[in-house]
N, C-alpha and C. Protein backbone atom coordinates (compact mmCIF):
# COMPACT_ATOMS: atom_id res chain seq x y z
N UNK A 1 29.02 -12.61 -18.11
CA UNK A 1 28.79 -12.04 -16.80
C UNK A 1 27.28 -11.91 -16.63
N UNK A 2 26.78 -12.31 -15.54
CA UNK A 2 25.29 -12.26 -15.25
C UNK A 2 25.00 -10.84 -14.65
N UNK A 3 23.93 -10.43 -15.10
CA UNK A 3 23.43 -9.04 -14.51
C UNK A 3 22.62 -9.31 -13.27
N UNK A 4 22.73 -8.41 -12.30
CA UNK A 4 21.85 -8.50 -11.14
C UNK A 4 20.53 -7.83 -11.39
N UNK A 5 19.64 -8.27 -10.65
CA UNK A 5 18.26 -7.62 -10.78
C UNK A 5 18.24 -6.50 -9.62
N UNK A 6 17.88 -5.35 -10.04
CA UNK A 6 17.74 -4.25 -9.09
C UNK A 6 16.22 -4.13 -8.74
N UNK A 7 15.97 -4.00 -7.43
CA UNK A 7 14.61 -3.75 -6.94
C UNK A 7 14.35 -2.27 -6.93
N UNK A 8 13.28 -1.79 -7.52
CA UNK A 8 13.05 -0.48 -7.71
C UNK A 8 11.64 -0.25 -7.22
N UNK A 9 11.31 0.64 -6.32
CA UNK A 9 10.00 0.93 -5.74
C UNK A 9 9.54 2.42 -5.86
N UNK A 10 8.45 2.70 -6.40
CA UNK A 10 7.98 4.07 -6.41
C UNK A 10 7.77 4.56 -4.97
N UNK A 11 8.25 5.75 -4.66
CA UNK A 11 8.05 6.32 -3.35
C UNK A 11 6.61 6.42 -2.95
N UNK A 12 5.76 6.67 -3.93
CA UNK A 12 4.29 6.75 -3.59
C UNK A 12 3.70 5.45 -3.13
N UNK A 13 4.37 4.39 -3.46
CA UNK A 13 3.81 3.01 -3.06
C UNK A 13 4.02 2.88 -1.54
N UNK A 14 5.08 3.47 -0.98
CA UNK A 14 5.22 3.45 0.48
C UNK A 14 4.19 4.20 1.15
N UNK A 15 3.74 5.33 0.60
CA UNK A 15 2.61 6.13 1.14
C UNK A 15 1.36 5.37 1.14
N UNK A 16 1.09 4.66 0.05
CA UNK A 16 -0.05 3.96 -0.17
C UNK A 16 -0.28 2.82 0.82
N UNK A 17 0.81 2.00 1.02
CA UNK A 17 0.83 0.97 2.09
C UNK A 17 0.58 1.65 3.48
N UNK A 18 1.25 2.70 3.73
CA UNK A 18 1.15 3.31 5.02
C UNK A 18 -0.27 3.79 5.23
N UNK A 19 -0.92 4.36 4.28
CA UNK A 19 -2.33 4.77 4.43
C UNK A 19 -3.32 3.60 4.71
N UNK A 20 -3.06 2.55 4.04
CA UNK A 20 -3.93 1.32 4.17
C UNK A 20 -3.83 0.78 5.61
N UNK A 21 -2.53 0.69 6.10
CA UNK A 21 -2.26 0.07 7.37
C UNK A 21 -2.87 1.06 8.42
N UNK A 22 -2.63 2.36 8.31
CA UNK A 22 -3.10 3.30 9.25
C UNK A 22 -4.58 3.36 9.38
N UNK A 23 -5.32 3.16 8.20
CA UNK A 23 -6.79 3.15 8.27
C UNK A 23 -7.32 1.89 8.92
N UNK A 24 -6.59 0.75 8.76
CA UNK A 24 -6.95 -0.44 9.48
C UNK A 24 -6.67 -0.27 10.91
N UNK A 25 -5.61 0.38 11.32
CA UNK A 25 -5.27 0.62 12.73
C UNK A 25 -6.33 1.49 13.38
N UNK A 26 -6.69 2.47 12.71
CA UNK A 26 -7.75 3.51 13.15
C UNK A 26 -9.03 2.75 13.37
N UNK A 27 -9.41 1.81 12.53
CA UNK A 27 -10.61 1.08 12.70
C UNK A 27 -10.52 0.19 13.94
N UNK A 28 -9.39 -0.42 14.12
CA UNK A 28 -9.20 -1.31 15.29
C UNK A 28 -9.21 -0.45 16.63
N UNK A 29 -8.60 0.73 16.55
CA UNK A 29 -8.69 1.57 17.76
C UNK A 29 -10.08 1.93 18.07
N UNK A 30 -10.88 2.26 17.14
CA UNK A 30 -12.29 2.62 17.30
C UNK A 30 -13.07 1.43 17.95
N UNK A 31 -12.77 0.20 17.40
CA UNK A 31 -13.43 -0.99 17.84
C UNK A 31 -13.05 -1.29 19.24
N UNK A 32 -11.79 -1.11 19.64
CA UNK A 32 -11.37 -1.32 21.00
C UNK A 32 -12.00 -0.30 21.95
N UNK A 33 -12.18 0.93 21.48
CA UNK A 33 -12.77 1.94 22.26
C UNK A 33 -14.32 1.51 22.51
N UNK A 34 -15.01 1.13 21.42
CA UNK A 34 -16.34 0.69 21.58
C UNK A 34 -16.55 -0.51 22.40
N UNK A 35 -15.61 -1.44 22.41
CA UNK A 35 -15.71 -2.63 23.24
C UNK A 35 -15.51 -2.17 24.69
N UNK A 36 -14.60 -1.23 24.98
CA UNK A 36 -14.41 -0.78 26.42
C UNK A 36 -15.78 -0.07 26.85
N UNK A 37 -16.33 0.66 25.92
CA UNK A 37 -17.56 1.39 26.37
C UNK A 37 -18.71 0.37 26.61
N UNK A 38 -18.77 -0.69 25.76
CA UNK A 38 -19.80 -1.73 25.99
C UNK A 38 -19.46 -2.44 27.29
N UNK A 39 -18.27 -2.72 27.57
CA UNK A 39 -17.83 -3.44 28.69
C UNK A 39 -18.26 -2.68 29.96
N UNK A 40 -18.00 -1.34 30.01
CA UNK A 40 -18.40 -0.53 31.07
C UNK A 40 -19.90 -0.56 31.27
N UNK A 41 -20.62 -0.51 30.15
CA UNK A 41 -22.12 -0.51 30.27
C UNK A 41 -22.63 -1.81 31.00
N UNK A 42 -22.23 -2.91 30.27
CA UNK A 42 -22.76 -4.23 30.82
C UNK A 42 -22.09 -4.59 32.16
N UNK A 43 -20.95 -4.06 32.42
CA UNK A 43 -20.28 -4.37 33.74
C UNK A 43 -20.90 -3.89 34.95
N UNK A 44 -21.84 -2.99 34.70
CA UNK A 44 -22.61 -2.42 35.86
C UNK A 44 -23.52 -3.43 36.57
N UNK A 45 -23.85 -4.50 35.81
CA UNK A 45 -24.68 -5.52 36.32
C UNK A 45 -23.80 -6.71 36.72
N UNK A 46 -24.17 -7.30 37.89
CA UNK A 46 -23.33 -8.45 38.45
C UNK A 46 -23.36 -9.64 37.40
N UNK A 47 -24.44 -9.91 36.82
CA UNK A 47 -24.55 -11.06 35.97
C UNK A 47 -23.66 -11.10 34.73
N UNK A 48 -23.21 -9.87 34.38
CA UNK A 48 -22.47 -9.68 33.17
C UNK A 48 -20.94 -9.39 33.36
N UNK A 49 -20.53 -9.56 34.63
CA UNK A 49 -19.09 -9.17 34.92
C UNK A 49 -18.13 -10.00 34.07
N UNK A 50 -18.41 -11.32 33.86
CA UNK A 50 -17.52 -12.06 32.98
C UNK A 50 -17.54 -11.58 31.58
N UNK A 51 -18.58 -11.25 31.02
CA UNK A 51 -18.68 -10.75 29.68
C UNK A 51 -17.95 -9.32 29.62
N UNK A 52 -18.08 -8.50 30.52
CA UNK A 52 -17.40 -7.19 30.60
C UNK A 52 -15.84 -7.42 30.60
N UNK A 53 -15.49 -8.42 31.41
CA UNK A 53 -13.98 -8.65 31.47
C UNK A 53 -13.46 -9.25 30.19
N UNK A 54 -14.32 -10.11 29.51
CA UNK A 54 -13.92 -10.62 28.20
C UNK A 54 -13.77 -9.54 27.10
N UNK A 55 -14.69 -8.59 27.16
CA UNK A 55 -14.68 -7.46 26.24
C UNK A 55 -13.49 -6.61 26.40
N UNK A 56 -13.19 -6.30 27.71
CA UNK A 56 -11.98 -5.52 27.96
C UNK A 56 -10.71 -6.24 27.54
N UNK A 57 -10.64 -7.55 27.67
CA UNK A 57 -9.51 -8.29 27.28
C UNK A 57 -9.42 -8.21 25.77
N UNK A 58 -10.55 -8.36 25.06
CA UNK A 58 -10.55 -8.26 23.58
C UNK A 58 -9.99 -6.89 23.09
N UNK A 59 -10.46 -5.87 23.80
CA UNK A 59 -9.96 -4.49 23.49
C UNK A 59 -8.54 -4.36 23.60
N UNK A 60 -7.91 -5.02 24.75
CA UNK A 60 -6.56 -4.96 24.97
C UNK A 60 -5.82 -5.72 23.85
N UNK A 61 -6.35 -6.86 23.47
CA UNK A 61 -5.63 -7.64 22.40
C UNK A 61 -5.63 -6.84 20.99
N UNK A 62 -6.73 -6.13 20.84
CA UNK A 62 -6.75 -5.34 19.60
C UNK A 62 -5.68 -4.20 19.66
N UNK A 63 -5.64 -3.58 20.79
CA UNK A 63 -4.54 -2.65 20.90
C UNK A 63 -3.12 -3.13 20.73
N UNK A 64 -2.91 -4.28 21.26
CA UNK A 64 -1.60 -4.94 21.13
C UNK A 64 -1.34 -5.27 19.64
N UNK A 65 -2.41 -5.73 18.98
CA UNK A 65 -2.30 -6.12 17.56
C UNK A 65 -1.90 -4.99 16.63
N UNK A 66 -2.51 -3.78 16.89
CA UNK A 66 -2.18 -2.59 16.04
C UNK A 66 -0.78 -2.10 16.38
N UNK A 67 -0.37 -2.24 17.67
CA UNK A 67 1.00 -1.76 17.92
C UNK A 67 2.06 -2.65 17.27
N UNK A 68 1.74 -4.06 17.28
CA UNK A 68 2.63 -5.00 16.64
C UNK A 68 2.61 -4.76 15.06
N UNK A 69 1.51 -4.49 14.55
CA UNK A 69 1.46 -4.30 13.03
C UNK A 69 2.20 -3.04 12.74
N UNK A 70 2.09 -2.02 13.51
CA UNK A 70 2.79 -0.76 13.20
C UNK A 70 4.34 -1.00 13.31
N UNK A 71 4.81 -1.69 14.25
CA UNK A 71 6.18 -1.99 14.34
C UNK A 71 6.67 -2.89 13.18
N UNK A 72 5.93 -3.87 12.88
CA UNK A 72 6.27 -4.78 11.71
C UNK A 72 6.35 -3.98 10.36
N UNK A 73 5.36 -3.10 10.25
CA UNK A 73 5.40 -2.27 8.97
C UNK A 73 6.59 -1.35 8.96
N UNK A 74 6.96 -0.72 10.04
CA UNK A 74 8.12 0.15 10.11
C UNK A 74 9.35 -0.66 9.77
N UNK A 75 9.46 -1.80 10.44
CA UNK A 75 10.68 -2.66 10.13
C UNK A 75 10.76 -3.06 8.72
N UNK A 76 9.67 -3.45 8.14
CA UNK A 76 9.63 -3.90 6.72
C UNK A 76 9.94 -2.70 5.80
N UNK A 77 9.45 -1.54 5.98
CA UNK A 77 9.80 -0.39 5.27
C UNK A 77 11.29 -0.06 5.31
N UNK A 78 11.75 -0.15 6.47
CA UNK A 78 13.23 0.24 6.70
C UNK A 78 14.06 -0.77 6.01
N UNK A 79 13.75 -2.07 5.99
CA UNK A 79 14.54 -3.09 5.20
C UNK A 79 14.40 -2.78 3.71
N UNK A 80 13.19 -2.51 3.21
CA UNK A 80 13.00 -2.26 1.80
C UNK A 80 13.81 -1.06 1.35
N UNK A 81 13.88 -0.06 2.12
CA UNK A 81 14.60 1.27 1.91
C UNK A 81 16.01 1.03 1.77
N UNK A 82 16.54 0.08 2.53
CA UNK A 82 17.97 -0.27 2.46
C UNK A 82 18.34 -1.11 1.30
N UNK A 83 17.48 -1.91 0.67
CA UNK A 83 17.88 -2.84 -0.33
C UNK A 83 17.32 -2.40 -1.78
N UNK A 84 16.56 -1.30 -1.88
CA UNK A 84 16.02 -1.03 -3.13
C UNK A 84 16.31 0.42 -3.54
N UNK A 85 16.13 0.69 -4.79
CA UNK A 85 16.09 2.08 -5.27
C UNK A 85 14.72 2.55 -5.22
N UNK A 86 14.60 3.79 -4.76
CA UNK A 86 13.32 4.47 -4.59
C UNK A 86 13.11 5.55 -5.64
N UNK A 87 12.02 5.44 -6.47
CA UNK A 87 11.67 6.45 -7.40
C UNK A 87 11.07 7.59 -6.70
N UNK A 88 11.79 8.67 -6.62
CA UNK A 88 11.21 9.85 -5.89
C UNK A 88 9.90 10.31 -6.55
N UNK A 89 9.01 10.72 -5.66
CA UNK A 89 7.74 11.27 -6.14
C UNK A 89 7.91 12.76 -6.36
N UNK A 90 8.27 13.14 -7.61
CA UNK A 90 8.63 14.50 -7.94
C UNK A 90 7.41 15.27 -8.36
N UNK A 91 7.54 16.64 -8.38
CA UNK A 91 6.37 17.47 -8.85
C UNK A 91 5.99 17.12 -10.32
N UNK A 92 7.00 16.69 -11.17
CA UNK A 92 6.78 16.31 -12.51
C UNK A 92 5.87 15.17 -12.58
N UNK A 93 6.21 14.08 -11.73
CA UNK A 93 5.40 12.89 -11.71
C UNK A 93 4.02 13.15 -11.15
N UNK A 94 3.90 13.96 -10.17
CA UNK A 94 2.60 14.41 -9.58
C UNK A 94 1.74 15.06 -10.64
N UNK A 95 2.36 16.05 -11.42
CA UNK A 95 1.58 16.69 -12.43
C UNK A 95 1.17 15.74 -13.53
N UNK A 96 2.03 14.90 -14.05
CA UNK A 96 1.73 13.96 -15.11
C UNK A 96 0.68 12.98 -14.62
N UNK A 97 0.80 12.52 -13.39
CA UNK A 97 -0.22 11.58 -12.99
C UNK A 97 -1.58 12.18 -12.79
N UNK A 98 -1.62 13.42 -12.42
CA UNK A 98 -2.95 14.15 -12.32
C UNK A 98 -3.52 14.25 -13.78
N UNK A 99 -2.70 14.63 -14.72
CA UNK A 99 -3.13 14.79 -16.09
C UNK A 99 -3.71 13.42 -16.70
N UNK A 100 -3.01 12.35 -16.27
CA UNK A 100 -3.50 11.06 -16.69
C UNK A 100 -4.85 10.76 -16.20
N UNK A 101 -5.13 11.07 -14.95
CA UNK A 101 -6.43 10.87 -14.42
C UNK A 101 -7.57 11.57 -15.17
N UNK A 102 -7.16 12.70 -15.85
CA UNK A 102 -8.23 13.48 -16.62
C UNK A 102 -8.33 12.89 -18.02
N UNK A 103 -7.44 12.06 -18.56
CA UNK A 103 -7.42 11.57 -19.85
C UNK A 103 -8.20 10.24 -19.85
N UNK A 104 -9.33 10.18 -20.50
CA UNK A 104 -10.27 9.01 -20.44
C UNK A 104 -9.63 7.87 -21.10
N UNK A 105 -8.62 8.04 -21.96
CA UNK A 105 -7.94 6.84 -22.63
C UNK A 105 -7.29 5.90 -21.65
N UNK A 106 -6.81 6.54 -20.58
CA UNK A 106 -6.10 5.75 -19.58
C UNK A 106 -7.04 5.05 -18.55
N UNK A 107 -8.12 5.83 -18.30
CA UNK A 107 -9.17 5.23 -17.36
C UNK A 107 -8.47 4.72 -16.09
N UNK A 108 -7.68 5.55 -15.45
CA UNK A 108 -6.91 5.24 -14.24
C UNK A 108 -7.11 6.34 -13.24
N UNK A 109 -7.02 5.99 -11.99
CA UNK A 109 -7.24 6.92 -10.93
C UNK A 109 -5.94 6.86 -10.00
N UNK A 110 -5.87 7.91 -9.16
CA UNK A 110 -4.76 7.82 -8.16
C UNK A 110 -5.11 6.99 -7.00
N UNK A 111 -4.19 6.27 -6.45
CA UNK A 111 -2.74 6.35 -6.54
C UNK A 111 -2.16 5.59 -7.69
N UNK A 112 -2.91 4.78 -8.43
CA UNK A 112 -2.45 3.98 -9.59
C UNK A 112 -1.83 4.90 -10.64
N UNK A 113 -2.39 6.07 -10.87
CA UNK A 113 -1.82 6.93 -11.93
C UNK A 113 -0.41 7.41 -11.49
N UNK A 114 -0.26 7.68 -10.14
CA UNK A 114 1.06 8.10 -9.69
C UNK A 114 2.12 6.96 -9.72
N UNK A 115 1.68 5.70 -9.42
CA UNK A 115 2.59 4.55 -9.51
C UNK A 115 2.98 4.38 -10.99
N UNK A 116 1.99 4.53 -11.87
CA UNK A 116 2.26 4.34 -13.39
C UNK A 116 3.25 5.36 -13.87
N UNK A 117 3.01 6.61 -13.45
CA UNK A 117 3.95 7.70 -13.97
C UNK A 117 5.30 7.53 -13.31
N UNK A 118 5.39 7.07 -12.06
CA UNK A 118 6.74 6.88 -11.45
C UNK A 118 7.45 5.78 -12.18
N UNK A 119 6.80 4.58 -12.55
CA UNK A 119 7.65 3.65 -13.19
C UNK A 119 7.90 3.96 -14.63
N UNK A 120 7.00 4.75 -15.24
CA UNK A 120 7.31 5.13 -16.66
C UNK A 120 8.45 6.10 -16.61
N UNK A 121 8.55 6.99 -15.65
CA UNK A 121 9.65 8.04 -15.51
C UNK A 121 10.94 7.26 -15.35
N UNK A 122 10.93 6.22 -14.51
CA UNK A 122 12.14 5.40 -14.25
C UNK A 122 12.53 4.61 -15.52
N UNK A 123 11.62 4.11 -16.24
CA UNK A 123 11.85 3.32 -17.46
C UNK A 123 12.43 4.21 -18.54
N UNK A 124 11.95 5.47 -18.54
CA UNK A 124 12.50 6.38 -19.62
C UNK A 124 13.95 6.71 -19.33
N UNK A 125 14.37 6.72 -18.08
CA UNK A 125 15.66 7.20 -17.72
C UNK A 125 16.75 6.01 -17.58
N UNK A 126 16.26 4.75 -17.62
CA UNK A 126 17.04 3.65 -17.44
C UNK A 126 16.95 2.57 -18.65
N UNK A 127 18.08 2.09 -19.04
CA UNK A 127 18.07 1.13 -20.09
C UNK A 127 17.86 -0.25 -19.56
N UNK A 128 17.48 -1.18 -20.60
CA UNK A 128 17.28 -2.60 -20.20
C UNK A 128 15.85 -2.93 -20.01
N UNK A 129 15.55 -4.15 -19.88
CA UNK A 129 14.22 -4.62 -19.62
C UNK A 129 13.87 -4.45 -18.11
N UNK A 130 12.64 -3.96 -17.99
CA UNK A 130 12.22 -3.72 -16.64
C UNK A 130 10.88 -4.60 -16.46
N UNK A 131 10.72 -5.13 -15.26
CA UNK A 131 9.46 -5.80 -14.87
C UNK A 131 8.81 -5.23 -13.71
N UNK A 132 7.53 -5.02 -13.81
CA UNK A 132 6.85 -4.45 -12.73
C UNK A 132 5.80 -5.52 -12.17
N UNK A 133 6.23 -6.13 -11.04
CA UNK A 133 5.34 -7.13 -10.37
C UNK A 133 4.21 -6.42 -9.67
N UNK A 134 2.99 -6.89 -9.96
CA UNK A 134 1.87 -6.20 -9.41
C UNK A 134 0.74 -7.23 -9.07
N UNK A 135 -0.02 -7.00 -8.00
CA UNK A 135 -1.16 -7.83 -7.59
C UNK A 135 -2.38 -7.48 -8.44
N UNK A 136 -2.39 -6.31 -9.03
CA UNK A 136 -3.59 -5.86 -9.65
C UNK A 136 -3.28 -5.27 -11.02
N UNK A 137 -3.03 -6.17 -12.01
CA UNK A 137 -2.62 -5.62 -13.33
C UNK A 137 -3.80 -5.08 -14.06
N UNK A 138 -5.07 -5.46 -13.59
CA UNK A 138 -6.26 -5.00 -14.36
C UNK A 138 -6.30 -3.45 -14.48
N UNK A 139 -5.80 -2.73 -13.53
CA UNK A 139 -5.83 -1.31 -13.49
C UNK A 139 -4.95 -0.75 -14.67
N UNK A 140 -3.94 -1.53 -14.98
CA UNK A 140 -2.97 -1.04 -16.08
C UNK A 140 -3.11 -1.77 -17.38
N UNK A 141 -4.25 -2.57 -17.44
CA UNK A 141 -4.41 -3.36 -18.65
C UNK A 141 -5.23 -2.55 -19.75
N UNK A 142 -4.69 -1.55 -20.14
CA UNK A 142 -5.29 -0.62 -21.24
C UNK A 142 -4.34 -0.58 -22.37
N UNK A 143 -4.92 -0.52 -23.57
CA UNK A 143 -4.13 -0.52 -24.76
C UNK A 143 -3.01 0.57 -24.72
N UNK A 144 -3.34 1.79 -24.40
CA UNK A 144 -2.42 2.90 -24.39
C UNK A 144 -1.26 2.71 -23.42
N UNK A 145 -1.60 2.12 -22.27
CA UNK A 145 -0.68 1.86 -21.25
C UNK A 145 0.36 0.69 -21.74
N UNK A 146 -0.20 -0.43 -22.26
CA UNK A 146 0.58 -1.45 -22.74
C UNK A 146 1.51 -1.02 -23.84
N UNK A 147 1.13 -0.15 -24.77
CA UNK A 147 1.83 0.41 -25.80
C UNK A 147 3.06 1.21 -25.29
N UNK A 148 2.71 2.11 -24.41
CA UNK A 148 3.72 3.04 -23.77
C UNK A 148 4.82 2.19 -23.09
N UNK A 149 4.39 1.24 -22.32
CA UNK A 149 5.36 0.42 -21.52
C UNK A 149 6.17 -0.45 -22.40
N UNK A 150 5.60 -1.06 -23.47
CA UNK A 150 6.30 -1.91 -24.45
C UNK A 150 7.45 -1.05 -25.05
N UNK A 151 7.07 0.20 -25.41
CA UNK A 151 8.10 1.08 -25.99
C UNK A 151 9.27 1.44 -24.99
N UNK A 152 9.00 1.28 -23.68
CA UNK A 152 10.02 1.46 -22.65
C UNK A 152 10.63 0.24 -22.17
N UNK A 153 10.34 -0.88 -22.73
CA UNK A 153 10.91 -2.24 -22.43
C UNK A 153 10.42 -2.50 -20.93
N UNK A 154 9.16 -2.17 -20.53
CA UNK A 154 8.80 -2.48 -19.31
C UNK A 154 7.56 -3.39 -19.36
N UNK A 155 7.55 -4.53 -18.67
CA UNK A 155 6.49 -5.49 -18.67
C UNK A 155 5.88 -5.63 -17.24
N UNK A 156 4.58 -5.77 -17.27
CA UNK A 156 3.82 -6.00 -16.03
C UNK A 156 3.68 -7.53 -15.88
N UNK A 157 3.84 -7.97 -14.59
CA UNK A 157 3.55 -9.39 -14.27
C UNK A 157 2.72 -9.54 -12.99
N UNK A 158 1.81 -10.45 -13.12
CA UNK A 158 0.92 -10.54 -11.91
C UNK A 158 1.59 -11.51 -10.83
N UNK A 159 1.41 -10.92 -9.66
CA UNK A 159 1.88 -11.71 -8.44
C UNK A 159 0.68 -12.51 -7.90
N UNK A 160 0.83 -13.73 -7.75
CA UNK A 160 -0.21 -14.61 -7.24
C UNK A 160 -0.21 -14.59 -5.72
N UNK A 161 -1.45 -14.56 -5.18
CA UNK A 161 -1.54 -14.70 -3.66
C UNK A 161 -1.22 -16.10 -3.25
N UNK A 162 -0.69 -16.35 -2.16
CA UNK A 162 -0.45 -17.62 -1.53
C UNK A 162 -1.62 -18.19 -0.95
């Protein structure tokens, strides 16, 4: 009998993605606002009416893009939550991740420390081989981390960009 692969995601990873997207959206909102201000300034002169119109159109496109990104993100997160097991971000994980950031042997900061503690907690509580696909394994490529994860049958693998 073949075993199925279970997709498991630390809850903190959802917050991390959310923060990144929201910061990009905030920058686009500010840019759209600045484009509108500039359009209003240069639009006061007859010779620049076309440029002002183009700037306003660009601002509108930016607003539409961040609304579409937000909707796409919400849809993706909804699908992920339906098909995966989520590792709750518990007070214990929070405390342990904070302590790791203070321990120089780990040389890891948050949110990576929180992700690490989440997957370590899951690995402790579940049998079998676990694989953690990651785009940035360098943050976790420390001797102490490799040893801890090997003891828990958890392997990191690098995801290549397309």
